[in-house]
Amino acid sequence: MKLLVVAVVLFCLSFAIAAPAQDVQTDWVRGTDFSRFHTFTWATGQFPIQDAEVDLKMADAVRADLQAKGINYVGPNDKFDCFVTYNLAINPDPQNTGGNIITVQLRLFDSKNNTVVWRAGGFVPVVPNNLPQNRKNVKAVIAKMFAKYPPS
């Protein structure tokens, strides 16, 4: 019986070790009425993603999480309540001199005054030579960011 318990514990720990760290930070303007945001459009981020395929995947992931929160995409010529920017970069990992991290940043602006009202940032380690896993990890970071939206 003890052997079975040890085997189950080791099995569970193997998943915990294999899962990448997902450090996420958020900040927002206190007093903002986030319930009034129902539509959004895109704005260009400070450091736009140059790869069209990566940009599209990032936009799809952010759009899906915003729609799940009741904020739907509209075109830039339509009336929108807020606009969103995102950035993605690969940086050296400060914890691992031989590795890199994927850094993700999101910002939500109030369209009434063009000010940032919510921001989120996070990162995951790069899995070398494994693009599908890196995409999955970035989507997980984005989901974790939106788990903190709207702020409470």
Protein backbone atom coordinates (compact mmCIF):
# COMPACT_ATOMS: atom_id res chain seq x y z
CA MET A 1 0.00 0.00 0.00
CA LYS A 2 2.81 2.42 0.89
CA LEU A 3 4.46 1.68 -2.44
CA LEU A 4 1.24 2.61 -4.27
CA VAL A 5 0.97 5.92 -2.37
CA VAL A 6 4.61 6.76 -3.14
CA ALA A 7 4.09 5.91 -6.82
CA VAL A 8 1.01 8.16 -7.03
CA VAL A 9 2.84 11.04 -5.31
CA LEU A 10 5.83 10.71 -7.65
CA PHE A 11 3.52 10.55 -10.65
CA CYS A 12 1.76 13.78 -9.60
CA LEU A 13 5.06 15.52 -8.88
CA SER A 14 6.32 14.68 -12.36
CA PHE A 15 3.52 16.84 -13.81
CA ALA A 16 4.28 19.68 -11.44
CA ILE A 17 7.94 19.63 -12.42
CA ALA A 18 7.15 19.47 -16.15
CA ALA A 19 4.72 22.40 -16.02
CA PRO A 20 6.41 25.72 -16.76
CA ALA A 21 6.36 28.50 -14.22
CA GLN A 22 3.77 31.12 -15.06
CA ASP A 23 4.53 34.30 -13.19
CA VAL A 24 1.77 36.85 -13.86
CA GLN A 25 1.42 40.41 -12.56
CA THR A 26 -1.55 42.75 -13.04
CA ASP A 27 -2.27 46.35 -12.18
CA TRP A 28 -5.22 48.65 -12.80
CA VAL A 29 -6.57 52.11 -12.18
CA ARG A 30 -8.59 51.91 -8.98
CA GLY A 31 -12.13 53.20 -9.36
CA THR A 32 -12.46 52.14 -13.01
CA ASP A 33 -15.89 50.72 -13.86
CA PHE A 34 -14.82 47.69 -15.88
CA SER A 35 -18.45 46.57 -16.30
CA ARG A 36 -18.95 49.25 -18.98
CA PHE A 37 -16.43 47.62 -21.34
CA HIS A 38 -18.34 45.47 -23.84
CA THR A 39 -16.45 46.08 -27.09
CA PHE A 40 -12.78 46.43 -28.00
CA THR A 41 -10.51 46.95 -30.95
CA TRP A 42 -6.79 46.55 -31.43
CA ALA A 43 -4.11 49.20 -31.18
CA THR A 44 -0.46 48.70 -32.06
CA GLY A 45 1.70 47.87 -29.06
CA GLN A 46 4.94 49.57 -28.19
CA PHE A 47 6.93 46.67 -29.66
CA PRO A 48 4.69 45.05 -32.29
CA ILE A 49 5.19 41.40 -33.15
CA GLN A 50 6.99 41.16 -36.50
CA ASP A 51 6.07 37.55 -37.35
CA ALA A 52 2.57 37.56 -38.93
CA GLU A 53 1.73 34.01 -37.83
CA VAL A 54 2.81 34.63 -34.23
CA ASP A 55 0.90 37.93 -34.23
CA LEU A 56 -2.27 36.20 -35.44
CA LYS A 57 -2.00 33.42 -32.82
CA MET A 58 -1.46 36.00 -30.08
CA ALA A 59 -4.45 38.06 -31.25
CA ASP A 60 -6.64 34.93 -31.38
CA ALA A 61 -5.68 33.96 -27.83
CA VAL A 62 -6.33 37.44 -26.43
CA ARG A 63 -9.59 37.80 -28.38
CA ALA A 64 -10.88 34.46 -27.08
CA ASP A 65 -10.19 35.37 -23.46
CA LEU A 66 -11.77 38.82 -23.85
CA GLN A 67 -14.86 37.30 -25.47
CA ALA A 68 -15.12 34.87 -22.55
CA LYS A 69 -15.24 37.97 -20.32
CA GLY A 70 -18.06 39.50 -22.43
CA ILE A 71 -15.87 41.95 -24.34
CA ASN A 72 -16.32 41.46 -28.08
CA TYR A 73 -14.08 42.56 -30.92
CA VAL A 74 -15.27 45.29 -33.30
CA GLY A 75 -13.39 46.89 -36.16
CA PRO A 76 -11.39 50.09 -35.62
CA ASN A 77 -14.03 52.13 -37.50
CA ASP A 78 -16.83 50.91 -35.21
CA LYS A 79 -17.68 52.30 -31.78
CA PHE A 80 -15.58 50.56 -29.12
CA ASP A 81 -15.36 50.92 -25.34
CA CYS A 82 -11.69 50.07 -25.02
CA PHE A 83 -8.70 49.16 -27.09
CA VAL A 84 -6.07 46.53 -26.41
CA THR A 85 -2.38 46.20 -27.11
CA TYR A 86 -0.15 43.18 -26.66
CA ASN A 87 3.55 42.51 -26.88
CA LEU A 88 5.54 39.31 -26.93
CA ALA A 89 9.32 39.05 -26.67
CA ILE A 90 11.98 36.42 -26.05
CA ASN A 91 14.47 37.54 -23.41
CA PRO A 92 17.35 35.93 -21.53
CA ASP A 93 16.16 34.08 -18.43
CA PRO A 94 17.65 35.81 -15.37
CA GLN A 95 17.30 32.55 -13.40
CA ASN A 96 18.94 30.34 -16.02
CA THR A 97 21.95 31.79 -17.86
CA GLY A 98 21.60 29.26 -20.68
CA GLY A 99 17.86 29.72 -21.19
CA ASN A 100 15.34 32.21 -22.44
CA ILE A 101 11.87 33.30 -21.38
CA ILE A 102 8.86 34.39 -23.40
CA THR A 103 7.56 37.67 -21.97
CA VAL A 104 3.93 38.64 -22.61
CA GLN A 105 2.43 42.08 -21.93
CA LEU A 106 -1.19 43.20 -22.32
CA ARG A 107 -2.69 46.64 -21.88
CA LEU A 108 -6.33 47.71 -21.93
CA PHE A 109 -7.06 51.39 -22.61
CA ASP A 110 -10.27 53.29 -21.92
CA SER A 111 -11.38 54.74 -25.27
CA LYS A 112 -12.94 57.78 -23.56
CA ASN A 113 -9.61 59.19 -22.43
CA ASN A 114 -6.97 56.93 -24.07
CA THR A 115 -5.45 55.92 -20.74
CA VAL A 116 -4.31 52.51 -19.61
CA VAL A 117 -6.83 51.16 -17.08
CA TRP A 118 -5.58 47.56 -16.80
CA ARG A 119 -2.26 45.94 -17.57
CA ALA A 120 -0.85 42.46 -17.22
CA GLY A 121 2.56 40.93 -17.73
CA GLY A 122 3.92 37.45 -17.43
CA PHE A 123 6.48 35.02 -18.69
CA VAL A 124 7.23 31.35 -19.29
CA PRO A 125 10.50 29.59 -20.05
CA VAL A 126 11.18 28.85 -23.71
CA VAL A 127 11.01 25.14 -24.49
CA PRO A 128 13.81 24.72 -27.07
CA ASN A 129 12.76 23.31 -30.44
CA ASN A 130 9.12 22.90 -29.40
CA LEU A 131 6.94 25.59 -31.00
CA PRO A 132 3.61 23.86 -30.18
CA GLN A 133 4.52 23.67 -26.47
CA ASN A 134 5.65 27.31 -26.44
CA ARG A 135 2.33 28.37 -28.01
CA LYS A 136 0.43 26.33 -25.43
CA ASN A 137 2.45 27.91 -22.61
CA VAL A 138 1.83 31.45 -23.89
CA LYS A 139 -1.91 30.74 -24.16
CA ALA A 140 -1.82 29.51 -20.55
CA VAL A 141 -0.12 32.73 -19.40
CA ILE A 142 -2.72 34.82 -21.22
CA ALA A 143 -5.52 32.81 -19.60
CA LYS A 144 -3.90 33.30 -16.21
CA MET A 145 -3.75 37.05 -16.85
CA PHE A 146 -7.42 37.21 -17.73
CA ALA A 147 -8.28 35.14 -14.68
CA LYS A 148 -7.40 38.38 -12.86
CA TYR A 149 -9.77 40.48 -15.01
CA PRO A 150 -11.84 42.32 -14.04
CA PRO A 151 -9.87 43.14 -10.94
CA SER A 152 -11.57 42.88 -7.59
